[in-house]
Amino acid sequence: MISFIKAALKTLKVFIIFTGCTILFYYGIMWVSEEYQNYHRYDEPEGSAVKVSNAVNEKSSSLLDRLMLFYLNGE
């Protein structure tokens, strides 16, 4: 009977530790998720930012030119 109580207490201890770690992990993930939701990645850059690409003029480039550009860039 005493070995059954010891086994039950060990099982209860493992269950409590597992539940505590699961709750801690869940709230950690929720905290990280909130941090990245508040992060504005499409804001205007600060400082002396330089524009690195130009808009492609749709009328001057043909389909073949665009296809060759696609293959040359490897995208």
N, C-alpha and C. Protein backbone atom coordinates (compact mmCIF):
# COMPACT_ATOMS: atom_id res chain seq x y z
N MET A 1 0.82 -1.19 0.00
CA MET A 1 0.00 0.00 0.00
C MET A 1 0.87 1.26 0.00
N ILE A 2 1.99 1.22 0.75
CA ILE A 2 2.86 2.38 0.82
C ILE A 2 3.56 2.60 -0.52
N SER A 3 3.92 1.53 -1.23
CA SER A 3 4.57 1.69 -2.53
C SER A 3 3.59 2.30 -3.55
N PHE A 4 2.31 2.01 -3.41
CA PHE A 4 1.30 2.60 -4.29
C PHE A 4 1.21 4.11 -4.03
N ILE A 5 1.27 4.53 -2.78
CA ILE A 5 1.21 5.96 -2.45
C ILE A 5 2.46 6.67 -2.96
N LYS A 6 3.64 6.03 -2.82
CA LYS A 6 4.87 6.63 -3.34
C LYS A 6 4.81 6.78 -4.85
N ALA A 7 4.30 5.76 -5.52
CA ALA A 7 4.18 5.83 -6.98
C ALA A 7 3.18 6.91 -7.39
N ALA A 8 2.10 7.04 -6.65
CA ALA A 8 1.11 8.07 -6.95
C ALA A 8 1.69 9.46 -6.73
N LEU A 9 2.48 9.65 -5.69
CA LEU A 9 3.09 10.95 -5.42
C LEU A 9 4.13 11.30 -6.48
N LYS A 10 4.92 10.31 -6.91
CA LYS A 10 5.89 10.56 -7.98
C LYS A 10 5.18 10.92 -9.29
N THR A 11 4.09 10.23 -9.57
CA THR A 11 3.32 10.52 -10.77
C THR A 11 2.72 11.92 -10.70
N LEU A 12 2.20 12.29 -9.55
CA LEU A 12 1.64 13.62 -9.35
C LEU A 12 2.72 14.69 -9.50
N LYS A 13 3.92 14.42 -8.97
CA LYS A 13 5.03 15.37 -9.09
C LYS A 13 5.43 15.56 -10.55
N VAL A 14 5.51 14.49 -11.32
CA VAL A 14 5.85 14.58 -12.74
C VAL A 14 4.76 15.34 -13.48
N PHE A 15 3.50 15.08 -13.15
CA PHE A 15 2.39 15.78 -13.80
C PHE A 15 2.43 17.28 -13.51
N ILE A 16 2.71 17.65 -12.28
CA ILE A 16 2.77 19.06 -11.92
C ILE A 16 3.94 19.75 -12.62
N ILE A 17 5.08 19.10 -12.67
CA ILE A 17 6.24 19.68 -13.36
C ILE A 17 5.96 19.83 -14.85
N PHE A 18 5.37 18.80 -15.46
CA PHE A 18 5.03 18.86 -16.88
C PHE A 18 4.03 19.98 -17.16
N THR A 19 3.01 20.10 -16.33
CA THR A 19 2.01 21.16 -16.51
C THR A 19 2.64 22.53 -16.34
N GLY A 20 3.49 22.70 -15.35
CA GLY A 20 4.16 23.98 -15.13
C GLY A 20 5.05 24.36 -16.30
N CYS A 21 5.82 23.41 -16.80
CA CYS A 21 6.69 23.70 -17.94
C CYS A 21 5.88 24.02 -19.20
N THR A 22 4.77 23.33 -19.38
CA THR A 22 3.91 23.59 -20.54
C THR A 22 3.33 24.99 -20.46
N ILE A 23 2.87 25.39 -19.30
CA ILE A 23 2.31 26.74 -19.13
C ILE A 23 3.39 27.79 -19.33
N LEU A 24 4.58 27.55 -18.80
CA LEU A 24 5.69 28.48 -18.98
C LEU A 24 6.06 28.62 -20.46
N PHE A 25 6.13 27.51 -21.17
CA PHE A 25 6.43 27.53 -22.60
C PHE A 25 5.36 28.28 -23.37
N TYR A 26 4.08 28.05 -23.05
CA TYR A 26 2.98 28.71 -23.74
C TYR A 26 3.05 30.22 -23.57
N TYR A 27 3.24 30.69 -22.35
CA TYR A 27 3.31 32.13 -22.13
C TYR A 27 4.59 32.73 -22.72
N GLY A 28 5.66 31.97 -22.79
CA GLY A 28 6.86 32.44 -23.46
C GLY A 28 6.63 32.65 -24.95
N ILE A 29 5.96 31.70 -25.58
CA ILE A 29 5.63 31.83 -27.01
C ILE A 29 4.68 33.00 -27.24
N MET A 30 3.72 33.18 -26.35
CA MET A 30 2.78 34.31 -26.48
C MET A 30 3.52 35.64 -26.33
N TRP A 31 4.51 35.72 -25.43
CA TRP A 31 5.28 36.94 -25.24
C TRP A 31 6.10 37.27 -26.49
N VAL A 32 6.75 36.26 -27.06
CA VAL A 32 7.54 36.47 -28.28
C VAL A 32 6.62 36.90 -29.43
N SER A 33 5.46 36.29 -29.52
CA SER A 33 4.51 36.64 -30.57
C SER A 33 4.05 38.09 -30.44
N GLU A 34 3.77 38.55 -29.24
CA GLU A 34 3.39 39.95 -29.03
C GLU A 34 4.52 40.89 -29.38
N GLU A 35 5.75 40.52 -29.06
CA GLU A 35 6.89 41.38 -29.38
C GLU A 35 7.01 41.58 -30.89
N TYR A 36 6.82 40.52 -31.67
CA TYR A 36 6.97 40.63 -33.12
C TYR A 36 5.75 41.23 -33.78
N GLN A 37 4.56 41.17 -33.16
CA GLN A 37 3.40 41.84 -33.73
C GLN A 37 3.53 43.34 -33.61
N ASN A 38 4.18 43.82 -32.58
CA ASN A 38 4.36 45.25 -32.40
C ASN A 38 5.55 45.80 -33.18
N TYR A 39 6.30 44.95 -33.83
CA TYR A 39 7.46 45.35 -34.60
C TYR A 39 7.00 45.78 -35.99
N HIS A 40 7.28 47.03 -36.37
CA HIS A 40 6.83 47.57 -37.65
C HIS A 40 7.98 47.44 -38.65
N ARG A 41 7.96 46.39 -39.46
CA ARG A 41 9.09 46.20 -40.36
C ARG A 41 8.96 46.98 -41.65
N TYR A 42 7.80 47.58 -41.92
CA TYR A 42 7.64 48.33 -43.16
C TYR A 42 7.67 49.84 -42.93
N ASP A 43 8.22 50.28 -41.82
CA ASP A 43 8.37 51.71 -41.56
C ASP A 43 9.45 52.29 -42.46
N GLU A 44 9.42 53.60 -42.59
CA GLU A 44 10.47 54.29 -43.34
C GLU A 44 11.79 54.10 -42.62
N PRO A 45 12.86 53.78 -43.33
CA PRO A 45 14.16 53.61 -42.69
C PRO A 45 14.68 54.95 -42.16
N GLU A 46 15.42 54.87 -41.07
CA GLU A 46 15.99 56.06 -40.47
C GLU A 46 17.42 56.25 -40.96
N GLY A 47 17.89 57.47 -40.97
CA GLY A 47 19.27 57.74 -41.36
C GLY A 47 19.39 57.98 -42.85
N SER A 48 20.55 57.67 -43.39
CA SER A 48 20.82 57.94 -44.81
C SER A 48 20.64 56.66 -45.62
N ALA A 49 19.39 56.23 -45.73
CA ALA A 49 19.09 55.03 -46.50
C ALA A 49 19.15 55.34 -47.99
N VAL A 50 19.54 54.36 -48.79
CA VAL A 50 19.67 54.52 -50.23
C VAL A 50 18.72 53.55 -50.90
N LYS A 51 18.00 54.03 -51.90
CA LYS A 51 17.10 53.17 -52.65
C LYS A 51 17.94 52.28 -53.56
N VAL A 52 17.71 50.98 -53.52
CA VAL A 52 18.58 50.06 -54.25
C VAL A 52 17.94 49.49 -55.51
N SER A 53 16.70 49.80 -55.77
CA SER A 53 16.07 49.28 -56.99
C SER A 53 15.24 50.36 -57.63
N ASN A 54 15.06 50.24 -58.93
CA ASN A 54 14.24 51.17 -59.69
C ASN A 54 13.00 50.43 -60.18
N ALA A 55 11.95 51.17 -60.36
CA ALA A 55 10.74 50.58 -60.91
C ALA A 55 10.99 50.25 -62.39
N VAL A 56 10.51 49.10 -62.83
CA VAL A 56 10.71 48.69 -64.22
C VAL A 56 9.62 49.32 -65.06
N ASN A 57 10.03 49.94 -66.13
CA ASN A 57 9.08 50.54 -67.06
C ASN A 57 8.44 49.41 -67.86
N GLU A 58 7.17 49.22 -67.68
CA GLU A 58 6.47 48.09 -68.31
C GLU A 58 6.43 48.21 -69.84
N LYS A 59 6.37 49.42 -70.36
CA LYS A 59 6.21 49.59 -71.80
C LYS A 59 7.50 49.33 -72.57
N SER A 60 8.66 49.61 -71.97
CA SER A 60 9.91 49.49 -72.70
C SER A 60 10.49 48.07 -72.68
N SER A 61 10.07 47.23 -71.77
CA SER A 61 10.64 45.88 -71.71
C SER A 61 9.64 44.87 -72.28
N SER A 62 10.16 44.02 -73.13
CA SER A 62 9.30 43.01 -73.73
C SER A 62 9.27 41.77 -72.85
N LEU A 63 8.44 40.86 -73.20
CA LEU A 63 8.31 39.62 -72.45
C LEU A 63 9.61 38.83 -72.51
N LEU A 64 10.27 38.83 -73.65
CA LEU A 64 11.54 38.11 -73.79
C LEU A 64 12.62 38.74 -72.91
N ASP A 65 12.66 40.08 -72.84
CA ASP A 65 13.63 40.75 -71.98
C ASP A 65 13.39 40.39 -70.52
N ARG A 66 12.15 40.39 -70.12
CA ARG A 66 11.82 40.05 -68.74
C ARG A 66 12.18 38.60 -68.43
N LEU A 67 11.93 37.70 -69.38
CA LEU A 67 12.25 36.28 -69.19
C LEU A 67 13.76 36.08 -69.09
N MET A 68 14.52 36.78 -69.91
CA MET A 68 15.98 36.67 -69.86
C MET A 68 16.51 37.22 -68.52
N LEU A 69 15.94 38.32 -68.05
CA LEU A 69 16.32 38.88 -66.76
C LEU A 69 16.03 37.90 -65.64
N PHE A 70 14.90 37.24 -65.74
CA PHE A 70 14.51 36.23 -64.76
C PHE A 70 15.53 35.09 -64.71
N TYR A 71 15.92 34.60 -65.86
CA TYR A 71 16.89 33.49 -65.92
C TYR A 71 18.30 33.94 -65.53
N LEU A 72 18.69 35.15 -65.89
CA LEU A 72 20.02 35.64 -65.54
C LEU A 72 20.18 35.86 -64.05
N ASN A 73 19.12 36.31 -63.39
CA ASN A 73 19.18 36.52 -61.95
C ASN A 73 19.07 35.22 -61.15
N GLY A 74 18.61 34.19 -61.81
CA GLY A 74 18.51 32.90 -61.13
C GLY A 74 17.36 32.85 -60.13
N GLU A 75 16.34 33.59 -60.38
CA GLU A 75 15.19 33.61 -59.47
C GLU A 75 14.05 32.81 -60.05
